Amino acid sequence: MGQKINPLGFRLGTTQNHHSFWFAQPKNYSEGLQEDKKIRNCIKNYIQKNRKKGSNRKIESDSSSEVITHIEIQKEIDTIHVIIHIGFPNLLKKKGAIEELEKDLQKEVNSVNQRLNIAIEKVKEPYRQPNILAEYIAFQLKNRVSFRKAMKKAIELTKKADIKGVKIKIAGRLAGKEIARAESIKKGRLPLQTIRAKIDYCCYPIRTIYGVLGVKIWIFVE
C-alpha cells in the first residue's frame, strides 16, 4: 500500500516552520484556530476581488500575479501581527489598500481590544514558490494554452531561481477529454523521503470549462 503524506507536514519542525505563533488555553484553542482561518480567507478574498483583468501582459505586470505564498500570524496580548508574503505586491502598495484591509480584518477578530498590525513582505525569488507557479499554470490554461506547454514554460521559469529539482503534476479532464488522466513533468532531483531536504509543495485547483483540474507542484529548494 502506498502511504502518502503532505511534504510540508512531514518536515514540520525540521525544515518547515509553523505559520501561526500564539498560545491559548485548551478551551480557547479552537476559537483561535478558526480566527486564523478567517483572517487568511479574508486576505485572500480581498486580493481576488481587487485583481485587474488582463490577458496579454506578462505575469510580472499582470494582476493575476498577486499570489500569496503564505501568511504568518503572531498574536500578543493586545496586538495581532499579520505578515503577508506575496510574490508581486503591486495591489497592496496602492494608497489606502492596507487601511481598507485592516477594516475588513478587524471584523474577523474576536477581541475588540486587540489591534491589527499588517506587514507586507515581497518574496525575493517568486518563481521559487510553488503557489506562484501554480497560479501561472492556471492563468495559461484559462487562456486555452496547452497543458504540456504550460508545464514546460513553468519549468523554464524555475531556471531563474536557485533550485535543485521540480515536479509538476496535473490531473483531470486534460484537453477536454472524456476520461480523466494525470500527466507530470520532472526536472532535477526530488528526495521526498529525506526529511532534511527542504521541499516546498502546493496543491492548487483550477476551474475550467471542462471541469476542475488539480495541480500539484514539488520544488526541491536545498
C-alpha atoms as a PDB file:
ATOM      1  CA  MET A   1       0.000   0.000   0.000  1.00  0.00           C
ATOM      2  CA  GLY A   2       1.260   3.451  -0.829  1.00  0.00           C
ATOM      3  CA  GLN A   3       1.385   5.673   2.239  1.00  0.00           C
ATOM      4  CA  LYS A   4       1.149   9.330   1.242  1.00  0.00           C
ATOM      5  CA  ILE A   5       1.721  12.347   3.458  1.00  0.00           C
ATOM      6  CA  ASN A   6       1.882  16.076   2.855  1.00  0.00           C
ATOM      7  CA  PRO A   7       5.567  17.010   2.283  1.00  0.00           C
ATOM      8  CA  LEU A   8       5.190  20.155   4.390  1.00  0.00           C
ATOM      9  CA  GLY A   9       3.633  18.411   7.397  1.00  0.00           C
ATOM     10  CA  PHE A  10       6.181  15.622   7.105  1.00  0.00           C
ATOM     11  CA  ARG A  11       9.005  18.152   7.596  1.00  0.00           C
ATOM     12  CA  LEU A  12       7.330  20.325  10.205  1.00  0.00           C
ATOM     13  CA  GLY A  13       9.838  21.185  12.904  1.00  0.00           C
ATOM     14  CA  THR A  14      12.908  20.392  10.785  1.00  0.00           C
ATOM     15  CA  THR A  15      12.932  22.415   7.536  1.00  0.00           C
ATOM     16  CA  GLN A  16       9.363  23.766   7.750  1.00  0.00           C
ATOM     17  CA  ASN A  17       8.044  26.170  10.389  1.00  0.00           C
ATOM     18  CA  HIS A  18       4.577  26.935  11.682  1.00  0.00           C
ATOM     19  CA  HIS A  19       2.707  29.860  10.123  1.00  0.00           C
ATOM     20  CA  SER A  20       0.874  30.702  13.364  1.00  0.00           C
ATOM     21  CA  PHE A  21       2.655  31.704  16.591  1.00  0.00           C
ATOM     22  CA  TRP A  22       0.454  32.081  19.688  1.00  0.00           C
ATOM     23  CA  PHE A  23      -0.570  30.369  22.918  1.00  0.00           C
ATOM     24  CA  ALA A  24      -4.078  29.748  24.243  1.00  0.00           C
ATOM     25  CA  GLN A  25      -5.903  27.761  26.883  1.00  0.00           C
ATOM     26  CA  PRO A  26      -7.248  24.384  25.695  1.00  0.00           C
ATOM     27  CA  LYS A  27     -10.838  25.627  25.857  1.00  0.00           C
ATOM     28  CA  ASN A  28      -9.968  28.669  23.679  1.00  0.00           C
ATOM     29  CA  TYR A  29      -7.729  26.865  21.189  1.00  0.00           C
ATOM     30  CA  SER A  30     -10.481  26.102  18.663  1.00  0.00           C
ATOM     31  CA  GLU A  31     -11.601  29.749  18.636  1.00  0.00           C
ATOM     32  CA  GLY A  32      -8.058  30.953  17.907  1.00  0.00           C
ATOM     33  CA  LEU A  33      -7.706  28.385  15.136  1.00  0.00           C
ATOM     34  CA  GLN A  34     -10.950  29.480  13.497  1.00  0.00           C
ATOM     35  CA  GLU A  35      -9.903  33.118  13.837  1.00  0.00           C
ATOM     36  CA  ASP A  36      -6.658  32.404  11.962  1.00  0.00           C
ATOM     37  CA  LYS A  37      -8.603  30.720   9.183  1.00  0.00           C
ATOM     38  CA  LYS A  38     -10.990  33.668   8.901  1.00  0.00           C
ATOM     39  CA  ILE A  39      -8.077  36.127   8.714  1.00  0.00           C
ATOM     40  CA  ARG A  40      -6.359  34.160   5.948  1.00  0.00           C
ATOM     41  CA  ASN A  41      -9.584  33.734   3.971  1.00  0.00           C
ATOM     42  CA  CYS A  42     -10.378  37.443   4.324  1.00  0.00           C
ATOM     43  CA  ILE A  43      -6.964  38.437   2.933  1.00  0.00           C
ATOM     44  CA  LYS A  44      -7.227  36.014   0.008  1.00  0.00           C
ATOM     45  CA  ASN A  45     -10.750  37.184  -0.820  1.00  0.00           C
ATOM     46  CA  TYR A  46      -9.603  40.808  -0.733  1.00  0.00           C
ATOM     47  CA  ILE A  47      -6.815  40.047  -3.218  1.00  0.00           C
ATOM     48  CA  GLN A  48      -9.168  38.184  -5.561  1.00  0.00           C
ATOM     49  CA  LYS A  49     -11.822  40.916  -5.521  1.00  0.00           C
ATOM     50  CA  ASN A  50      -9.352  43.684  -6.336  1.00  0.00           C
ATOM     51  CA  ARG A  51      -7.456  41.986  -9.105  1.00  0.00           C
ATOM     52  CA  LYS A  52      -7.299  43.639 -12.502  1.00  0.00           C
ATOM     53  CA  LYS A  53      -8.139  41.582 -15.522  1.00  0.00           C
ATOM     54  CA  GLY A  54      -5.546  41.275 -18.233  1.00  0.00           C
ATOM     55  CA  SER A  55      -4.610  38.523 -20.634  1.00  0.00           C
ATOM     56  CA  ASN A  56      -1.927  39.949 -22.919  1.00  0.00           C
ATOM     57  CA  ARG A  57       0.515  41.132 -20.271  1.00  0.00           C
ATOM     58  CA  LYS A  58       3.337  39.243 -18.619  1.00  0.00           C
ATOM     59  CA  ILE A  59       2.894  37.665 -15.222  1.00  0.00           C
ATOM     60  CA  GLU A  60       5.122  40.267 -13.546  1.00  0.00           C
ATOM     61  CA  SER A  61       2.811  43.084 -14.612  1.00  0.00           C
ATOM     62  CA  ASP A  62      -0.459  41.169 -14.571  1.00  0.00           C
ATOM     63  CA  SER A  63      -2.719  41.403 -11.552  1.00  0.00           C
ATOM     64  CA  SER A  64      -3.112  37.632 -11.610  1.00  0.00           C
ATOM     65  CA  SER A  65       0.426  37.542 -10.239  1.00  0.00           C
ATOM     66  CA  GLU A  66      -0.839  38.870  -6.886  1.00  0.00           C
ATOM     67  CA  VAL A  67      -0.213  35.453  -5.382  1.00  0.00           C
ATOM     68  CA  ILE A  68       0.127  34.987  -1.632  1.00  0.00           C
ATOM     69  CA  THR A  69       2.735  32.369  -0.814  1.00  0.00           C
ATOM     70  CA  HIS A  70       1.849  32.186   2.887  1.00  0.00           C
ATOM     71  CA  ILE A  71       0.522  34.303   5.747  1.00  0.00           C
ATOM     72  CA  GLU A  72       2.148  34.422   9.169  1.00  0.00           C
ATOM     73  CA  ILE A  73       0.041  35.300  12.213  1.00  0.00           C
ATOM     74  CA  GLN A  74       1.654  36.268  15.524  1.00  0.00           C
ATOM     75  CA  LYS A  75      -0.638  37.007  18.437  1.00  0.00           C
ATOM     76  CA  GLU A  76       0.258  39.010  21.517  1.00  0.00           C
ATOM     77  CA  ILE A  77      -1.894  40.206  24.415  1.00  0.00           C
ATOM     78  CA  ASP A  78      -3.123  43.368  22.686  1.00  0.00           C
ATOM     79  CA  THR A  79      -1.757  43.044  19.129  1.00  0.00           C
ATOM     80  CA  ILE A  80      -2.136  40.647  16.228  1.00  0.00           C
ATOM     81  CA  HIS A  81       0.746  40.797  13.753  1.00  0.00           C
ATOM     82  CA  VAL A  82      -0.148  39.642  10.245  1.00  0.00           C
ATOM     83  CA  ILE A  83       2.740  39.215   7.800  1.00  0.00           C
ATOM     84  CA  ILE A  84       1.686  38.670   4.187  1.00  0.00           C
ATOM     85  CA  HIS A  85       4.330  37.049   1.970  1.00  0.00           C
ATOM     86  CA  ILE A  86       3.410  37.843  -1.622  1.00  0.00           C
ATOM     87  CA  GLY A  87       5.134  37.490  -4.949  1.00  0.00           C
ATOM     88  CA  PHE A  88       4.390  40.837  -6.618  1.00  0.00           C
ATOM     89  CA  PRO A  89       2.672  43.188  -4.114  1.00  0.00           C
ATOM     90  CA  ASN A  90       1.502  45.767  -6.640  1.00  0.00           C
ATOM     91  CA  LEU A  91      -2.090  45.780  -5.426  1.00  0.00           C
ATOM     92  CA  LEU A  92      -1.296  46.139  -1.711  1.00  0.00           C
ATOM     93  CA  LYS A  93       1.064  49.060  -2.399  1.00  0.00           C
ATOM     94  CA  LYS A  94      -1.802  51.248  -3.549  1.00  0.00           C
ATOM     95  CA  LYS A  95      -2.830  54.123  -1.326  1.00  0.00           C
ATOM     96  CA  GLY A  96      -5.441  53.121   1.230  1.00  0.00           C
ATOM     97  CA  ALA A  97      -5.239  49.378   0.482  1.00  0.00           C
ATOM     98  CA  ILE A  98      -3.722  48.446   3.848  1.00  0.00           C
ATOM     99  CA  GLU A  99      -6.237  50.588   5.772  1.00  0.00           C
ATOM    100  CA  GLU A 100      -9.137  49.019   3.892  1.00  0.00           C
ATOM    101  CA  LEU A 101      -7.761  45.549   4.543  1.00  0.00           C
ATOM    102  CA  GLU A 102      -7.359  46.313   8.248  1.00  0.00           C
ATOM    103  CA  LYS A 103     -11.018  47.304   8.493  1.00  0.00           C
ATOM    104  CA  ASP A 104     -12.079  44.018   6.914  1.00  0.00           C
ATOM    105  CA  LEU A 105      -9.788  42.004   9.184  1.00  0.00           C
ATOM    106  CA  GLN A 106     -10.948  43.794  12.335  1.00  0.00           C
ATOM    107  CA  LYS A 107     -14.408  42.336  11.747  1.00  0.00           C
ATOM    108  CA  GLU A 108     -12.935  38.819  11.846  1.00  0.00           C
ATOM    109  CA  VAL A 109     -11.042  39.346  15.111  1.00  0.00           C
ATOM    110  CA  ASN A 110     -12.914  38.023  18.146  1.00  0.00           C
ATOM    111  CA  SER A 111     -11.481  40.521  20.635  1.00  0.00           C
ATOM    112  CA  VAL A 112     -12.152  44.213  20.078  1.00  0.00           C
ATOM    113  CA  ASN A 113      -9.249  45.197  22.351  1.00  0.00           C
ATOM    114  CA  GLN A 114      -6.674  43.647  20.043  1.00  0.00           C
ATOM    115  CA  ARG A 115      -5.314  45.875  17.293  1.00  0.00           C
ATOM    116  CA  LEU A 116      -4.042  44.656  13.957  1.00  0.00           C
ATOM    117  CA  ASN A 117      -0.592  45.245  12.526  1.00  0.00           C
ATOM    118  CA  ILE A 118      -0.279  44.272   8.863  1.00  0.00           C
ATOM    119  CA  ALA A 119       3.111  43.963   7.167  1.00  0.00           C
ATOM    120  CA  ILE A 120       3.847  43.126   3.526  1.00  0.00           C
ATOM    121  CA  GLU A 121       6.957  41.175   2.566  1.00  0.00           C
ATOM    122  CA  LYS A 122       7.847  40.620  -1.050  1.00  0.00           C
ATOM    123  CA  VAL A 123       9.232  37.210  -1.937  1.00  0.00           C
ATOM    124  CA  LYS A 124      12.787  37.602  -3.198  1.00  0.00           C
ATOM    125  CA  GLU A 125      12.602  34.760  -5.731  1.00  0.00           C
ATOM    126  CA  PRO A 126       8.971  34.450  -6.860  1.00  0.00           C
ATOM    127  CA  TYR A 127       9.500  31.516  -9.204  1.00  0.00           C
ATOM    128  CA  ARG A 128      10.933  29.543  -6.325  1.00  0.00           C
ATOM    129  CA  GLN A 129       7.441  29.372  -4.789  1.00  0.00           C
ATOM    130  CA  PRO A 130       5.076  26.583  -5.944  1.00  0.00           C
ATOM    131  CA  ASN A 131       1.966  28.741  -5.412  1.00  0.00           C
ATOM    132  CA  ILE A 132       3.176  31.291  -7.945  1.00  0.00           C
ATOM    133  CA  LEU A 133       3.979  28.592 -10.498  1.00  0.00           C
ATOM    134  CA  ALA A 134       0.549  27.017  -9.957  1.00  0.00           C
ATOM    135  CA  GLU A 135      -1.133  30.388 -10.498  1.00  0.00           C
ATOM    136  CA  TYR A 136       0.897  30.856 -13.673  1.00  0.00           C
ATOM    137  CA  ILE A 137      -0.221  27.445 -14.992  1.00  0.00           C
ATOM    138  CA  ALA A 138      -3.842  28.268 -14.099  1.00  0.00           C
ATOM    139  CA  PHE A 139      -3.560  31.593 -15.944  1.00  0.00           C
ATOM    140  CA  GLN A 140      -2.252  29.809 -19.059  1.00  0.00           C
ATOM    141  CA  LEU A 141      -4.862  27.052 -19.024  1.00  0.00           C
ATOM    142  CA  LYS A 142      -7.709  29.552 -18.690  1.00  0.00           C
ATOM    143  CA  ASN A 143      -6.367  31.228 -21.843  1.00  0.00           C
ATOM    144  CA  ARG A 144      -6.643  27.906 -23.719  1.00  0.00           C
ATOM    145  CA  VAL A 145      -2.916  27.197 -23.729  1.00  0.00           C
ATOM    146  CA  SER A 146      -1.922  23.536 -23.984  1.00  0.00           C
ATOM    147  CA  PHE A 147      -1.289  21.997 -20.572  1.00  0.00           C
ATOM    148  CA  ARG A 148       2.011  20.470 -21.725  1.00  0.00           C
ATOM    149  CA  LYS A 149       3.207  23.837 -22.999  1.00  0.00           C
ATOM    150  CA  ALA A 150       2.143  25.490 -19.733  1.00  0.00           C
ATOM    151  CA  MET A 151       4.034  22.913 -17.649  1.00  0.00           C
ATOM    152  CA  LYS A 152       7.198  23.243 -19.749  1.00  0.00           C
ATOM    153  CA  LYS A 153       7.049  27.028 -19.533  1.00  0.00           C
ATOM    154  CA  ALA A 154       6.686  26.804 -15.733  1.00  0.00           C
ATOM    155  CA  ILE A 155       9.744  24.551 -15.615  1.00  0.00           C
ATOM    156  CA  GLU A 156      11.677  27.133 -17.640  1.00  0.00           C
ATOM    157  CA  LEU A 157      10.696  29.868 -15.170  1.00  0.00           C
ATOM    158  CA  THR A 158      12.322  27.910 -12.346  1.00  0.00           C
ATOM    159  CA  LYS A 159      15.697  28.329 -14.086  1.00  0.00           C
ATOM    160  CA  LYS A 160      15.723  31.899 -12.781  1.00  0.00           C
ATOM    161  CA  ALA A 161      15.628  30.555  -9.217  1.00  0.00           C
ATOM    162  CA  ASP A 162      18.328  28.559  -7.474  1.00  0.00           C
ATOM    163  CA  ILE A 163      16.602  25.185  -7.037  1.00  0.00           C
ATOM    164  CA  LYS A 164      17.744  21.587  -7.354  1.00  0.00           C
ATOM    165  CA  GLY A 165      14.607  19.944  -8.677  1.00  0.00           C
ATOM    166  CA  VAL A 166      10.952  20.461  -9.563  1.00  0.00           C
ATOM    167  CA  LYS A 167       7.981  18.250 -10.392  1.00  0.00           C
ATOM    168  CA  ILE A 168       4.603  19.346 -11.773  1.00  0.00           C
ATOM    169  CA  LYS A 169       1.570  17.061 -11.967  1.00  0.00           C
ATOM    170  CA  ILE A 170      -1.818  17.889 -13.498  1.00  0.00           C
ATOM    171  CA  ALA A 171      -4.841  15.616 -13.186  1.00  0.00           C
ATOM    172  CA  GLY A 172      -8.365  15.838 -14.564  1.00  0.00           C
ATOM    173  CA  ARG A 173     -10.046  16.141 -17.956  1.00  0.00           C
ATOM    174  CA  LEU A 174      -6.956  17.336 -19.763  1.00  0.00           C
ATOM    175  CA  ALA A 175      -7.534  18.942 -23.168  1.00  0.00           C
ATOM    176  CA  GLY A 176     -11.276  18.325 -22.713  1.00  0.00           C
ATOM    177  CA  LYS A 177     -11.039  14.521 -22.958  1.00  0.00           C
ATOM    178  CA  GLU A 178     -13.916  12.481 -21.570  1.00  0.00           C
ATOM    179  CA  ILE A 179     -11.667  10.234 -19.476  1.00  0.00           C
ATOM    180  CA  ALA A 180      -9.665  11.953 -16.745  1.00  0.00           C
ATOM    181  CA  ARG A 181      -5.964  11.234 -16.519  1.00  0.00           C
ATOM    182  CA  ALA A 182      -2.813  12.581 -14.932  1.00  0.00           C
ATOM    183  CA  GLU A 183       0.284  14.000 -16.622  1.00  0.00           C
ATOM    184  CA  SER A 184       3.522  15.003 -14.915  1.00  0.00           C
ATOM    185  CA  ILE A 185       6.884  16.507 -15.776  1.00  0.00           C
ATOM    186  CA  LYS A 186      10.016  16.425 -13.673  1.00  0.00           C
ATOM    187  CA  LYS A 187      13.425  18.055 -13.754  1.00  0.00           C
ATOM    188  CA  GLY A 188      16.292  17.518 -11.324  1.00  0.00           C
ATOM    189  CA  ARG A 189      16.276  15.664  -8.000  1.00  0.00           C
ATOM    190  CA  LEU A 190      13.303  15.321  -5.652  1.00  0.00           C
ATOM    191  CA  PRO A 191      14.152  13.345  -2.451  1.00  0.00           C
ATOM    192  CA  LEU A 192      10.682  13.141  -0.880  1.00  0.00           C
ATOM    193  CA  GLN A 193      11.744  10.589   1.749  1.00  0.00           C
ATOM    194  CA  THR A 194      14.611  12.711   3.081  1.00  0.00           C
ATOM    195  CA  ILE A 195      13.336  14.808   5.993  1.00  0.00           C
ATOM    196  CA  ARG A 196      16.351  17.141   5.941  1.00  0.00           C
ATOM    197  CA  ALA A 197      15.638  18.057   2.315  1.00  0.00           C
ATOM    198  CA  LYS A 198      13.727  21.337   2.142  1.00  0.00           C
ATOM    199  CA  ILE A 199      10.839  20.777  -0.252  1.00  0.00           C
ATOM    200  CA  ASP A 200       8.043  23.264  -0.949  1.00  0.00           C
ATOM    201  CA  TYR A 201       4.700  21.864  -2.038  1.00  0.00           C
ATOM    202  CA  CYS A 202       1.278  23.104  -3.048  1.00  0.00           C
ATOM    203  CA  CYS A 203      -1.990  21.633  -4.272  1.00  0.00           C
ATOM    204  CA  TYR A 204      -3.961  24.057  -6.439  1.00  0.00           C
ATOM    205  CA  PRO A 205      -7.408  23.579  -8.079  1.00  0.00           C
ATOM    206  CA  ILE A 206      -8.098  25.137 -11.485  1.00  0.00           C
ATOM    207  CA  ARG A 207     -11.656  25.648 -12.707  1.00  0.00           C
ATOM    208  CA  THR A 208     -12.000  25.298 -16.483  1.00  0.00           C
ATOM    209  CA  ILE A 209     -14.941  24.914 -18.840  1.00  0.00           C
ATOM    210  CA  TYR A 210     -14.335  21.145 -18.879  1.00  0.00           C
ATOM    211  CA  GLY A 211     -14.249  20.784 -15.107  1.00  0.00           C
ATOM    212  CA  VAL A 212     -11.815  21.154 -12.239  1.00  0.00           C
ATOM    213  CA  LEU A 213      -8.155  20.301 -12.778  1.00  0.00           C
ATOM    214  CA  GLY A 214      -5.808  19.579  -9.901  1.00  0.00           C
ATOM    215  CA  VAL A 215      -2.221  20.828  -9.979  1.00  0.00           C
ATOM    216  CA  LYS A 216       0.463  19.602  -7.605  1.00  0.00           C
ATOM    217  CA  ILE A 217       3.942  21.125  -7.534  1.00  0.00           C
ATOM    218  CA  TRP A 218       7.012  19.952  -5.629  1.00  0.00           C
ATOM    219  CA  ILE A 219      10.150  22.128  -5.520  1.00  0.00           C
ATOM    220  CA  PHE A 220      13.426  20.871  -4.026  1.00  0.00           C
ATOM    221  CA  VAL A 221      14.947  24.057  -2.657  1.00  0.00           C
ATOM    222  CA  GLU A 222      18.034  22.766  -0.832  1.00  0.00           C
END
